Amino acid sequence: MITITSMTPADMDGKAYVHHQSWQETYKGLIDANYLASMTLEKCQSIARRFPDNILVAKDEDRVIGFAGYGLIGMIPCPTPERYMPYMSLPHITDRESAIG
């Protein structure tokens, strides 16, 4: 069963893995290869630890399969928080669809 919860310290490595894999799968061939290579798993782990607030994680059992951030972006007053950074584990979606259909 898939659940969505606030990210906890135990979720940070899973969030970092989804972040890293999403970049590698999405941007290969679209952005400079050196820049993409600089987006390492370790860098994503550091990002997860530096910015733990306002992150929701999607989990299948105990495995993080996606995440999204929310909150105010920049200095522009906004009546409602913005949603940003929607990421999902594509192999997980494909595996689930194969199992369902």
N, C-alpha and C. Protein backbone atom coordinates (compact mmCIF):
# COMPACT_ATOMS: atom_id res chain seq x y z
N MET A 1 0.83 -1.18 0.00
CA MET A 1 0.00 0.00 0.00
C MET A 1 0.89 1.25 0.00
N ILE A 2 0.56 2.20 -0.82
CA ILE A 2 1.32 3.44 -0.91
C ILE A 2 0.76 4.45 0.08
N THR A 3 1.66 5.05 0.87
CA THR A 3 1.27 6.08 1.83
C THR A 3 2.11 7.33 1.57
N ILE A 4 1.56 8.46 1.97
CA ILE A 4 2.27 9.73 1.86
C ILE A 4 2.36 10.32 3.26
N THR A 5 3.61 10.62 3.68
CA THR A 5 3.84 11.15 5.02
C THR A 5 4.93 12.22 4.95
N SER A 6 5.06 12.96 6.03
CA SER A 6 6.18 13.89 6.15
C SER A 6 7.47 13.09 6.23
N MET A 7 8.53 13.61 5.62
CA MET A 7 9.81 12.93 5.65
C MET A 7 10.37 12.92 7.07
N THR A 8 10.90 11.77 7.47
CA THR A 8 11.58 11.62 8.75
C THR A 8 13.06 11.38 8.46
N PRO A 9 13.92 11.46 9.47
CA PRO A 9 15.34 11.15 9.25
C PRO A 9 15.55 9.77 8.63
N ALA A 10 14.70 8.81 8.96
CA ALA A 10 14.83 7.46 8.40
C ALA A 10 14.53 7.42 6.91
N ASP A 11 13.83 8.43 6.38
CA ASP A 11 13.45 8.48 4.97
C ASP A 11 14.48 9.20 4.09
N MET A 12 15.45 9.86 4.70
CA MET A 12 16.34 10.74 3.94
C MET A 12 17.16 10.02 2.88
N ASP A 13 17.68 8.85 3.19
CA ASP A 13 18.47 8.13 2.18
C ASP A 13 17.59 7.68 1.02
N GLY A 14 16.37 7.26 1.31
CA GLY A 14 15.45 6.86 0.25
C GLY A 14 15.06 8.04 -0.63
N LYS A 15 14.83 9.19 0.00
CA LYS A 15 14.51 10.41 -0.75
C LYS A 15 15.69 10.79 -1.64
N ALA A 16 16.90 10.68 -1.09
CA ALA A 16 18.11 11.01 -1.86
C ALA A 16 18.27 10.07 -3.05
N TYR A 17 17.99 8.80 -2.85
CA TYR A 17 18.10 7.83 -3.95
C TYR A 17 17.12 8.17 -5.07
N VAL A 18 15.87 8.46 -4.73
CA VAL A 18 14.87 8.82 -5.75
C VAL A 18 15.30 10.10 -6.46
N HIS A 19 15.80 11.07 -5.72
CA HIS A 19 16.26 12.34 -6.29
C HIS A 19 17.38 12.07 -7.30
N HIS A 20 18.37 11.30 -6.89
CA HIS A 20 19.51 10.98 -7.75
C HIS A 20 19.08 10.23 -9.01
N GLN A 21 18.32 9.16 -8.84
CA GLN A 21 17.90 8.35 -9.98
C GLN A 21 17.02 9.14 -10.94
N SER A 22 16.16 9.99 -10.40
CA SER A 22 15.28 10.80 -11.25
C SER A 22 16.10 11.74 -12.13
N TRP A 23 17.12 12.36 -11.56
CA TRP A 23 17.99 13.23 -12.35
C TRP A 23 18.70 12.44 -13.44
N GLN A 24 19.25 11.30 -13.08
CA GLN A 24 20.01 10.51 -14.05
C GLN A 24 19.12 10.04 -15.19
N GLU A 25 17.91 9.60 -14.88
CA GLU A 25 17.00 9.07 -15.91
C GLU A 25 16.36 10.18 -16.74
N THR A 26 16.06 11.30 -16.13
CA THR A 26 15.32 12.37 -16.81
C THR A 26 16.21 13.25 -17.67
N TYR A 27 17.38 13.60 -17.16
CA TYR A 27 18.19 14.63 -17.81
C TYR A 27 19.33 14.11 -18.67
N LYS A 28 19.53 12.79 -18.73
CA LYS A 28 20.59 12.24 -19.57
C LYS A 28 20.35 12.65 -21.03
N GLY A 29 21.35 13.28 -21.63
CA GLY A 29 21.23 13.74 -23.01
C GLY A 29 20.56 15.10 -23.16
N LEU A 30 20.02 15.64 -22.06
CA LEU A 30 19.35 16.94 -22.12
C LEU A 30 20.19 18.06 -21.53
N ILE A 31 21.03 17.71 -20.56
CA ILE A 31 21.89 18.73 -19.96
C ILE A 31 23.35 18.26 -20.07
N ASP A 32 24.25 19.16 -19.79
CA ASP A 32 25.68 18.87 -19.87
C ASP A 32 26.00 17.62 -19.04
N ALA A 33 26.71 16.67 -19.64
CA ALA A 33 27.03 15.40 -18.98
C ALA A 33 27.88 15.60 -17.73
N ASN A 34 28.78 16.58 -17.74
CA ASN A 34 29.60 16.85 -16.56
C ASN A 34 28.75 17.36 -15.39
N TYR A 35 27.79 18.22 -15.72
CA TYR A 35 26.90 18.72 -14.66
C TYR A 35 26.07 17.56 -14.10
N LEU A 36 25.56 16.74 -14.98
CA LEU A 36 24.75 15.60 -14.52
C LEU A 36 25.59 14.66 -13.66
N ALA A 37 26.83 14.43 -14.05
CA ALA A 37 27.72 13.57 -13.26
C ALA A 37 27.99 14.16 -11.88
N SER A 38 27.90 15.48 -11.77
CA SER A 38 28.13 16.12 -10.47
C SER A 38 26.95 15.93 -9.51
N MET A 39 25.81 15.51 -10.04
CA MET A 39 24.63 15.25 -9.19
C MET A 39 24.73 13.81 -8.68
N THR A 40 25.62 13.61 -7.74
CA THR A 40 25.90 12.28 -7.20
C THR A 40 24.89 11.91 -6.13
N LEU A 41 24.86 10.64 -5.79
CA LEU A 41 24.01 10.19 -4.69
C LEU A 41 24.42 10.89 -3.40
N GLU A 42 25.70 11.05 -3.18
CA GLU A 42 26.18 11.73 -1.98
C GLU A 42 25.70 13.17 -1.91
N LYS A 43 25.69 13.85 -3.06
CA LYS A 43 25.19 15.23 -3.10
C LYS A 43 23.70 15.26 -2.76
N CYS A 44 22.95 14.31 -3.29
CA CYS A 44 21.51 14.24 -2.98
C CYS A 44 21.26 13.92 -1.52
N GLN A 45 22.13 13.09 -0.93
CA GLN A 45 22.02 12.81 0.51
C GLN A 45 22.28 14.07 1.32
N SER A 46 23.26 14.84 0.91
CA SER A 46 23.56 16.10 1.59
C SER A 46 22.38 17.07 1.48
N ILE A 47 21.78 17.15 0.32
CA ILE A 47 20.61 18.02 0.11
C ILE A 47 19.47 17.59 1.02
N ALA A 48 19.23 16.29 1.11
CA ALA A 48 18.14 15.78 1.95
C ALA A 48 18.36 16.15 3.42
N ARG A 49 19.60 16.12 3.86
CA ARG A 49 19.90 16.43 5.25
C ARG A 49 19.90 17.94 5.53
N ARG A 50 20.30 18.73 4.53
CA ARG A 50 20.33 20.19 4.71
C ARG A 50 18.95 20.81 4.64
N PHE A 51 18.05 20.19 3.87
CA PHE A 51 16.71 20.77 3.67
C PHE A 51 15.63 19.73 4.00
N PRO A 52 15.48 19.39 5.28
CA PRO A 52 14.52 18.33 5.64
C PRO A 52 13.08 18.82 5.80
N ASP A 53 12.88 20.13 5.85
CA ASP A 53 11.54 20.66 6.12
C ASP A 53 10.67 20.68 4.87
N ASN A 54 9.38 20.56 5.08
CA ASN A 54 8.38 20.69 4.02
C ASN A 54 8.57 19.68 2.90
N ILE A 55 8.93 18.46 3.24
CA ILE A 55 9.08 17.38 2.26
C ILE A 55 8.10 16.26 2.61
N LEU A 56 7.31 15.88 1.63
CA LEU A 56 6.44 14.71 1.76
C LEU A 56 7.06 13.58 0.97
N VAL A 57 7.00 12.37 1.53
CA VAL A 57 7.51 11.20 0.81
C VAL A 57 6.37 10.24 0.54
N ALA A 58 6.41 9.64 -0.64
CA ALA A 58 5.49 8.56 -0.99
C ALA A 58 6.25 7.26 -0.72
N LYS A 59 5.61 6.35 0.01
CA LYS A 59 6.27 5.11 0.38
C LYS A 59 5.39 3.92 0.02
N ASP A 60 6.03 2.88 -0.49
CA ASP A 60 5.39 1.60 -0.71
C ASP A 60 5.97 0.69 0.35
N GLU A 61 5.16 0.34 1.33
CA GLU A 61 5.65 -0.33 2.53
C GLU A 61 6.64 0.63 3.19
N ASP A 62 7.90 0.23 3.34
CA ASP A 62 8.90 1.11 3.98
C ASP A 62 9.84 1.75 2.97
N ARG A 63 9.61 1.55 1.68
CA ARG A 63 10.51 2.04 0.63
C ARG A 63 10.02 3.37 0.07
N VAL A 64 10.89 4.38 0.09
CA VAL A 64 10.55 5.68 -0.50
C VAL A 64 10.54 5.52 -2.02
N ILE A 65 9.43 5.90 -2.63
CA ILE A 65 9.31 5.79 -4.09
C ILE A 65 9.09 7.14 -4.76
N GLY A 66 8.92 8.19 -3.96
CA GLY A 66 8.72 9.51 -4.51
C GLY A 66 8.74 10.55 -3.42
N PHE A 67 8.82 11.82 -3.82
CA PHE A 67 8.76 12.90 -2.84
C PHE A 67 8.34 14.19 -3.52
N ALA A 68 7.89 15.11 -2.72
CA ALA A 68 7.55 16.45 -3.21
C ALA A 68 7.81 17.43 -2.08
N GLY A 69 8.22 18.63 -2.45
CA GLY A 69 8.40 19.69 -1.48
C GLY A 69 7.25 20.67 -1.58
N TYR A 70 7.05 21.42 -0.52
CA TYR A 70 6.00 22.44 -0.53
C TYR A 70 6.44 23.60 0.34
N GLY A 71 5.85 24.72 0.12
CA GLY A 71 6.17 25.90 0.92
C GLY A 71 6.24 27.13 0.06
N LEU A 72 6.72 28.21 0.65
CA LEU A 72 6.85 29.46 -0.08
C LEU A 72 8.18 29.47 -0.81
N ILE A 73 8.15 29.90 -2.05
CA ILE A 73 9.36 29.98 -2.85
C ILE A 73 9.68 31.45 -3.07
N GLY A 74 10.86 31.86 -2.68
CA GLY A 74 11.26 33.25 -2.87
C GLY A 74 10.60 34.17 -1.86
N MET A 75 10.56 35.42 -2.19
CA MET A 75 10.06 36.44 -1.26
C MET A 75 8.68 36.95 -1.63
N ILE A 76 8.03 36.36 -2.63
CA ILE A 76 6.73 36.84 -3.07
C ILE A 76 5.66 36.33 -2.12
N PRO A 77 4.86 37.23 -1.51
CA PRO A 77 3.78 36.77 -0.63
C PRO A 77 2.79 35.93 -1.43
N CYS A 78 2.35 34.85 -0.84
CA CYS A 78 1.44 33.94 -1.53
C CYS A 78 0.41 33.45 -0.51
N PRO A 79 -0.88 33.46 -0.85
CA PRO A 79 -1.89 33.04 0.12
C PRO A 79 -1.83 31.54 0.45
N THR A 80 -1.29 30.75 -0.45
CA THR A 80 -1.17 29.31 -0.19
C THR A 80 0.23 28.86 -0.57
N PRO A 81 0.76 27.87 0.12
CA PRO A 81 2.10 27.38 -0.23
C PRO A 81 2.13 26.78 -1.63
N GLU A 82 3.29 26.87 -2.26
CA GLU A 82 3.51 26.27 -3.57
C GLU A 82 3.97 24.82 -3.41
N ARG A 83 3.62 24.01 -4.36
CA ARG A 83 4.14 22.65 -4.43
C ARG A 83 5.30 22.69 -5.42
N TYR A 84 6.39 22.03 -5.08
CA TYR A 84 7.53 21.99 -5.98
C TYR A 84 8.26 20.67 -5.80
N MET A 85 9.14 20.37 -6.70
CA MET A 85 9.97 19.16 -6.67
C MET A 85 9.17 17.86 -6.65
N PRO A 86 8.25 17.64 -7.57
CA PRO A 86 7.62 16.31 -7.57
C PRO A 86 8.54 15.29 -8.25
N TYR A 87 8.94 14.27 -7.54
CA TYR A 87 9.80 13.21 -8.07
C TYR A 87 9.17 11.86 -7.78
N MET A 88 9.31 10.93 -8.72
CA MET A 88 8.78 9.58 -8.52
C MET A 88 9.76 8.59 -9.12
N SER A 89 9.87 7.44 -8.49
CA SER A 89 10.74 6.38 -8.98
C SER A 89 10.08 5.72 -10.18
N LEU A 90 10.59 5.96 -11.39
CA LEU A 90 9.98 5.42 -12.60
C LEU A 90 10.01 3.89 -12.66
N PRO A 91 11.13 3.24 -12.28
CA PRO A 91 11.09 1.77 -12.29
C PRO A 91 10.01 1.23 -11.37
N HIS A 92 9.75 1.91 -10.26
CA HIS A 92 8.71 1.45 -9.35
C HIS A 92 7.34 1.54 -10.02
N ILE A 93 7.07 2.62 -10.72
CA ILE A 93 5.79 2.77 -11.41
C ILE A 93 5.64 1.67 -12.47
N THR A 94 6.68 1.44 -13.24
CA THR A 94 6.65 0.40 -14.27
C THR A 94 6.43 -0.97 -13.66
N ASP A 95 7.13 -1.27 -12.57
CA ASP A 95 6.96 -2.56 -11.90
C ASP A 95 5.53 -2.74 -11.41
N ARG A 96 4.95 -1.67 -10.83
CA ARG A 96 3.58 -1.74 -10.31
C ARG A 96 2.58 -1.96 -11.46
N GLU A 97 2.77 -1.24 -12.57
CA GLU A 97 1.85 -1.39 -13.70
C GLU A 97 1.93 -2.79 -14.27
N SER A 98 3.13 -3.37 -14.34
CA SER A 98 3.28 -4.73 -14.84
C SER A 98 2.58 -5.72 -13.93
N ALA A 99 2.67 -5.49 -12.63
CA ALA A 99 2.04 -6.39 -11.68
C ALA A 99 0.53 -6.28 -11.71
N ILE A 100 0.02 -5.07 -12.00
CA ILE A 100 -1.43 -4.85 -12.03
C ILE A 100 -2.03 -5.37 -13.33
N GLY A 101 -1.38 -5.06 -14.45
CA GLY A 101 -2.00 -5.32 -15.74
C GLY A 101 -1.47 -6.50 -16.43
